Amino acid sequence: MGNYSTEGFDRLRQVVVISSAAFAVVGSFVGSGAAGGTPIQNASGGALAADATLIAPGGSAFAIWTPIYLGLVGYAIWQALPAQKADARQRRLGYLIALSLVLNAFWILSVQFGLLALSVPVIVALLLVLVGFFRLVLRSRPRNLVETILVDGTMGLYLGWVTIATAANIAAVLVAYGFLGFGLSPDLWGVLVIVVAGLVGVGLAAYGRGRLAPSAALAWGLAWVAVARLAGDTLSVPTAIAAILAVVVVIASTVRERLHGASRPSRLA
């Protein structure tokens, strides 16, 4: 009875992940406008467009969703194979990945239906789930290259991108609801938010001992913030300079952690 029960729970986890991935993919099509929805940059009155705030990345930054979605779909298929059914690592991580997929789809739906204020708690919840996943994934090693790419790599990109996306989302909602910045200039606010994002990147690099994927995605997002502030409709040289410096700091911190991580006790179980 015990073995049967365990097998049933494992099968349920696999089905939940597959279903969540399908839900997220449908949501992504709606969010892109390909399935009759409004493209994200045009939804909610354009509050999330590349020129809506000083923290908004340039439109091309969203190309990062292609490898993220491909990795998530690949993971959903891979984890459903018999070899992963009773895998201890997937038992710990599978439901968190499924939850992140559902939250991502709900975020898209909240923006599509003009519920901009709701998008903030949803994306913050998504970020917290991904941080929780990151903490868990560091406790064990992937068994092979496929798992490294589909689990550690994909979810690392996901975490790094959602980190900068959360900052951009909050800024967009504040601007949309008339936040005046307590008398501080938009440029100063832009610089302050970028500094916080950069510090988060340094923290991720330190905690993850130089994991490449989160830092790469965060640096990608920051770089496109710089591009948008220098060449877009909403210009801000101070914010662009801060974003460029943040990219350098995040990358340098990651390289440093990778070079010196071997000399410290590993966090991996």
Protein backbone atom coordinates (compact mmCIF):
# COMPACT_ATOMS: atom_id res chain seq x y z
CA MET A 1 0.00 0.00 0.00
CA GLY A 2 2.84 2.38 0.90
CA ASN A 3 4.64 1.84 -2.42
CA TYR A 4 1.41 2.25 -4.33
CA SER A 5 0.67 5.48 -2.49
CA THR A 6 4.15 6.86 -3.20
CA GLU A 7 3.85 5.92 -6.86
CA GLY A 8 0.49 7.66 -7.04
CA PHE A 9 1.89 10.87 -5.54
CA ASP A 10 4.80 10.79 -7.99
CA ARG A 11 2.44 10.37 -10.92
CA LEU A 12 0.28 13.21 -9.61
CA ARG A 13 3.33 15.50 -9.42
CA GLN A 14 4.24 14.71 -13.01
CA VAL A 15 0.70 15.41 -14.21
CA VAL A 16 0.52 18.68 -12.25
CA VAL A 17 3.78 19.91 -13.80
CA ILE A 18 2.67 18.99 -17.32
CA SER A 19 -0.72 20.68 -16.80
CA SER A 20 0.89 23.80 -15.35
CA ALA A 21 3.29 24.03 -18.29
CA ALA A 22 0.38 23.77 -20.74
CA PHE A 23 -1.46 26.52 -18.85
CA ALA A 24 1.62 28.75 -18.92
CA VAL A 25 2.18 28.20 -22.65
CA VAL A 26 -1.44 29.15 -23.41
CA GLY A 27 -0.98 32.23 -21.24
CA SER A 28 2.18 33.17 -23.12
CA PHE A 29 0.34 33.00 -26.45
CA VAL A 30 -2.39 35.22 -25.07
CA GLY A 31 0.21 37.63 -23.70
CA SER A 32 1.99 37.83 -27.03
CA GLY A 33 -1.23 38.69 -28.82
CA ALA A 34 -1.00 35.52 -30.93
CA ALA A 35 -4.18 34.01 -29.44
CA GLY A 36 -6.40 37.05 -29.62
CA GLY A 37 -5.03 38.76 -26.54
CA THR A 38 -3.40 42.17 -26.34
CA PRO A 39 0.42 42.16 -26.37
CA ILE A 40 1.70 42.85 -22.86
CA GLN A 41 3.29 46.15 -23.86
CA ASN A 42 -0.10 47.39 -25.07
CA ALA A 43 -2.26 45.91 -22.31
CA SER A 44 -3.48 47.86 -19.27
CA GLY A 45 -3.25 51.12 -21.17
CA GLY A 46 0.38 50.59 -22.08
CA ALA A 47 1.50 50.75 -18.43
CA LEU A 48 4.12 48.07 -19.08
CA ALA A 49 5.43 49.44 -22.36
CA ALA A 50 9.16 49.98 -22.86
CA ASP A 51 8.75 53.75 -22.49
CA ALA A 52 6.27 53.72 -19.58
CA THR A 53 8.84 54.17 -16.80
CA LEU A 54 12.58 54.62 -16.37
CA ILE A 55 12.89 51.01 -15.16
CA ALA A 56 11.17 49.41 -18.14
CA PRO A 57 13.54 47.28 -20.27
CA GLY A 58 13.59 47.74 -24.04
CA GLY A 59 11.17 45.58 -25.97
CA SER A 60 13.84 43.22 -27.28
CA ALA A 61 14.65 42.21 -23.70
CA PHE A 62 11.55 40.01 -23.69
CA ALA A 63 13.24 37.66 -26.14
CA ILE A 64 14.62 35.97 -23.02
CA TRP A 65 11.22 34.35 -22.59
CA THR A 66 11.97 32.11 -25.58
CA PRO A 67 14.75 30.08 -23.87
CA ILE A 68 12.85 30.22 -20.56
CA TYR A 69 9.66 28.79 -22.04
CA LEU A 70 11.55 26.24 -24.11
CA GLY A 71 13.36 25.13 -20.98
CA LEU A 72 10.16 24.96 -18.93
CA VAL A 73 8.36 22.91 -21.58
CA GLY A 74 11.43 20.71 -21.93
CA TYR A 75 11.48 20.21 -18.17
CA ALA A 76 7.78 19.32 -18.08
CA ILE A 77 8.34 16.61 -20.70
CA TRP A 78 11.61 15.36 -19.17
CA GLN A 79 10.26 15.12 -15.63
CA ALA A 80 7.33 13.05 -16.92
CA LEU A 81 9.66 10.29 -18.11
CA PRO A 82 9.81 7.12 -15.98
CA ALA A 83 13.41 7.78 -14.92
CA GLN A 84 12.35 10.95 -13.10
CA LYS A 85 9.18 9.58 -11.56
CA ALA A 86 10.65 8.71 -8.16
CA ASP A 87 13.63 11.09 -8.30
CA ALA A 88 14.14 12.71 -4.90
CA ARG A 89 15.25 16.04 -6.37
CA GLN A 90 12.19 16.32 -8.59
CA ARG A 91 9.96 15.48 -5.64
CA ARG A 92 11.36 18.54 -3.88
CA LEU A 93 11.33 20.87 -6.89
CA GLY A 94 8.45 19.79 -9.12
CA TYR A 95 5.58 21.48 -7.31
CA LEU A 96 7.48 24.75 -6.94
CA ILE A 97 8.11 24.80 -10.68
CA ALA A 98 4.43 24.07 -11.29
CA LEU A 99 3.42 26.90 -8.94
CA SER A 100 5.74 29.32 -10.74
CA LEU A 101 4.14 28.40 -14.05
CA VAL A 102 0.63 28.98 -12.72
CA LEU A 103 1.60 32.32 -11.19
CA ASN A 104 3.21 33.39 -14.45
CA ALA A 105 0.00 32.64 -16.33
CA PHE A 106 -2.09 34.48 -13.71
CA TRP A 107 0.21 37.49 -14.04
CA ILE A 108 -0.42 37.59 -17.78
CA LEU A 109 -4.18 37.27 -17.23
CA SER A 110 -4.19 40.05 -14.62
CA VAL A 111 -2.50 42.42 -17.08
CA GLN A 112 -4.73 41.30 -19.96
CA PHE A 113 -7.86 42.08 -17.95
CA GLY A 114 -6.54 45.47 -16.87
CA LEU A 115 -6.05 44.41 -13.25
CA LEU A 116 -2.72 46.18 -13.02
CA ALA A 117 -2.72 46.50 -9.23
CA LEU A 118 -3.27 42.73 -8.93
CA SER A 119 -0.21 42.09 -11.08
CA VAL A 120 2.08 43.32 -8.28
CA PRO A 121 1.21 40.74 -5.59
CA VAL A 122 1.18 38.05 -8.27
CA ILE A 123 4.68 38.84 -9.54
CA VAL A 124 5.99 39.30 -5.99
CA ALA A 125 4.58 35.86 -5.13
CA LEU A 126 6.26 34.48 -8.25
CA LEU A 127 9.58 36.01 -7.22
CA LEU A 128 9.29 34.52 -3.72
CA VAL A 129 8.55 31.09 -5.19
CA LEU A 130 11.61 31.33 -7.43
CA VAL A 131 13.79 32.44 -4.51
CA GLY A 132 12.51 29.46 -2.53
CA PHE A 133 13.30 27.22 -5.47
CA PHE A 134 16.80 28.68 -5.70
CA ARG A 135 17.44 27.89 -2.05
CA LEU A 136 16.31 24.29 -2.54
CA VAL A 137 18.16 23.69 -5.78
CA LEU A 138 21.46 24.62 -4.17
CA ARG A 139 21.14 21.72 -1.72
CA SER A 140 21.61 19.00 -4.31
CA ARG A 141 23.44 18.45 -7.56
CA PRO A 142 21.88 17.68 -10.94
CA ARG A 143 22.54 14.13 -12.11
CA ASN A 144 23.49 15.00 -15.67
CA LEU A 145 23.81 17.77 -18.25
CA VAL A 146 20.16 17.56 -19.28
CA GLU A 147 19.02 18.21 -15.72
CA THR A 148 21.58 20.99 -15.35
CA ILE A 149 20.14 22.79 -18.38
CA LEU A 150 16.42 22.12 -17.84
CA VAL A 151 16.29 22.59 -14.07
CA ASP A 152 19.19 24.69 -12.80
CA GLY A 153 19.76 26.68 -16.00
CA THR A 154 16.16 27.37 -16.97
CA MET A 155 15.00 28.25 -13.48
CA GLY A 156 18.08 30.41 -12.96
CA LEU A 157 17.20 32.45 -16.04
CA TYR A 158 13.62 32.61 -14.80
CA LEU A 159 14.72 33.95 -11.39
CA GLY A 160 17.10 36.53 -12.82
CA TRP A 161 14.56 37.89 -15.26
CA VAL A 162 11.68 38.01 -12.77
CA THR A 163 13.93 39.95 -10.39
CA ILE A 164 14.22 42.90 -12.77
CA ALA A 165 10.67 42.38 -14.05
CA THR A 166 9.32 42.77 -10.51
CA ALA A 167 11.05 46.12 -10.12
CA ALA A 168 9.73 47.25 -13.51
CA ASN A 169 6.22 46.03 -12.68
CA ILE A 170 6.07 47.86 -9.34
CA ALA A 171 7.40 51.04 -10.95
CA ALA A 172 4.79 50.79 -13.72
CA VAL A 173 1.92 50.42 -11.25
CA LEU A 174 3.13 53.34 -9.13
CA VAL A 175 3.39 55.61 -12.17
CA ALA A 176 0.01 54.45 -13.50
CA TYR A 177 -1.62 55.35 -10.19
CA GLY A 178 -0.05 58.79 -10.07
CA PHE A 179 2.85 58.29 -7.66
CA LEU A 180 4.86 61.53 -7.58
CA GLY A 181 8.02 60.20 -5.98
CA PHE A 182 7.84 62.12 -2.67
CA GLY A 183 9.40 65.10 -4.39
CA LEU A 184 12.42 63.18 -5.71
CA SER A 185 13.21 63.39 -9.40
CA PRO A 186 12.39 60.45 -11.70
CA ASP A 187 16.08 60.15 -12.55
CA LEU A 188 16.97 59.72 -8.89
CA TRP A 189 14.26 57.13 -8.41
CA GLY A 190 15.50 55.30 -11.49
CA VAL A 191 19.04 55.21 -10.15
CA LEU A 192 17.90 54.06 -6.70
CA VAL A 193 15.84 51.18 -8.08
CA ILE A 194 18.69 50.09 -10.34
CA VAL A 195 21.08 50.14 -7.37
CA VAL A 196 18.72 47.87 -5.43
CA ALA A 197 18.44 45.50 -8.40
CA GLY A 198 22.23 45.42 -8.69
CA LEU A 199 22.59 44.64 -4.99
CA VAL A 200 20.10 41.81 -5.36
CA GLY A 201 22.24 40.48 -8.20
CA VAL A 202 25.33 40.61 -5.99
CA GLY A 203 23.40 38.76 -3.30
CA LEU A 204 22.27 36.07 -5.73
CA ALA A 205 25.83 35.64 -6.97
CA ALA A 206 27.14 35.28 -3.42
CA TYR A 207 24.43 32.92 -2.21
CA GLY A 208 24.56 30.82 -5.36
CA ARG A 209 28.37 30.71 -5.42
CA GLY A 210 28.49 32.27 -8.85
CA ARG A 211 25.58 30.56 -10.58
CA LEU A 212 25.64 31.85 -14.14
CA ALA A 213 22.00 31.74 -15.21
CA PRO A 214 20.43 34.12 -12.65
CA SER A 215 23.19 36.66 -13.11
CA ALA A 216 23.05 36.41 -16.90
CA ALA A 217 19.29 37.03 -16.99
CA LEU A 218 19.45 39.91 -14.52
CA ALA A 219 22.37 41.48 -16.42
CA TRP A 220 20.40 41.04 -19.66
CA GLY A 221 17.41 42.89 -18.20
CA LEU A 222 19.56 45.68 -16.78
CA ALA A 223 21.39 46.08 -20.09
CA TRP A 224 18.09 46.55 -21.91
CA VAL A 225 17.01 49.12 -19.33
CA ALA A 226 20.17 51.02 -20.27
CA VAL A 227 19.42 50.69 -23.99
CA ALA A 228 15.86 51.93 -23.53
CA ARG A 229 17.01 54.93 -21.48
CA LEU A 230 19.61 55.93 -24.05
CA ALA A 231 17.75 55.22 -27.28
CA GLY A 232 14.05 54.96 -26.40
CA ASP A 233 11.31 57.54 -26.02
CA THR A 234 11.81 57.86 -22.25
CA LEU A 235 15.39 59.05 -21.91
CA SER A 236 17.44 59.11 -18.70
CA VAL A 237 21.21 59.18 -18.89
CA PRO A 238 21.66 58.77 -15.09
CA THR A 239 19.46 55.65 -15.06
CA ALA A 240 21.27 54.26 -18.10
CA ILE A 241 24.69 54.79 -16.49
CA ALA A 242 23.47 53.18 -13.27
CA ALA A 243 22.14 50.20 -15.24
CA ILE A 244 25.43 49.76 -17.11
CA LEU A 245 27.39 49.91 -13.87
CA ALA A 246 24.97 47.42 -12.30
CA VAL A 247 25.59 45.01 -15.18
CA VAL A 248 29.33 45.27 -14.63
CA VAL A 249 28.98 44.76 -10.88
CA VAL A 250 26.66 41.75 -11.22
CA ILE A 251 28.93 40.06 -13.76
CA ALA A 252 32.08 40.84 -11.77
CA SER A 253 30.50 39.52 -8.57
CA THR A 254 29.48 36.33 -10.32
CA VAL A 255 32.93 35.75 -11.78
CA ARG A 256 34.53 36.45 -8.40
CA GLU A 257 32.24 33.97 -6.65
CA ARG A 258 32.97 31.29 -9.25
CA LEU A 259 36.71 31.81 -8.89
CA HIS A 260 36.71 31.81 -5.10
CA GLY A 261 33.79 29.50 -4.39
CA ALA A 262 35.91 26.37 -4.49
CA SER A 263 37.89 27.57 -1.46
CA ARG A 264 34.77 27.71 0.75
CA PRO A 265 32.62 24.87 2.11
CA SER A 266 29.94 23.87 -0.39
CA ARG A 267 26.28 24.46 0.34
CA LEU A 268 25.35 21.40 -1.68
CA ALA A 269 24.08 18.44 0.31
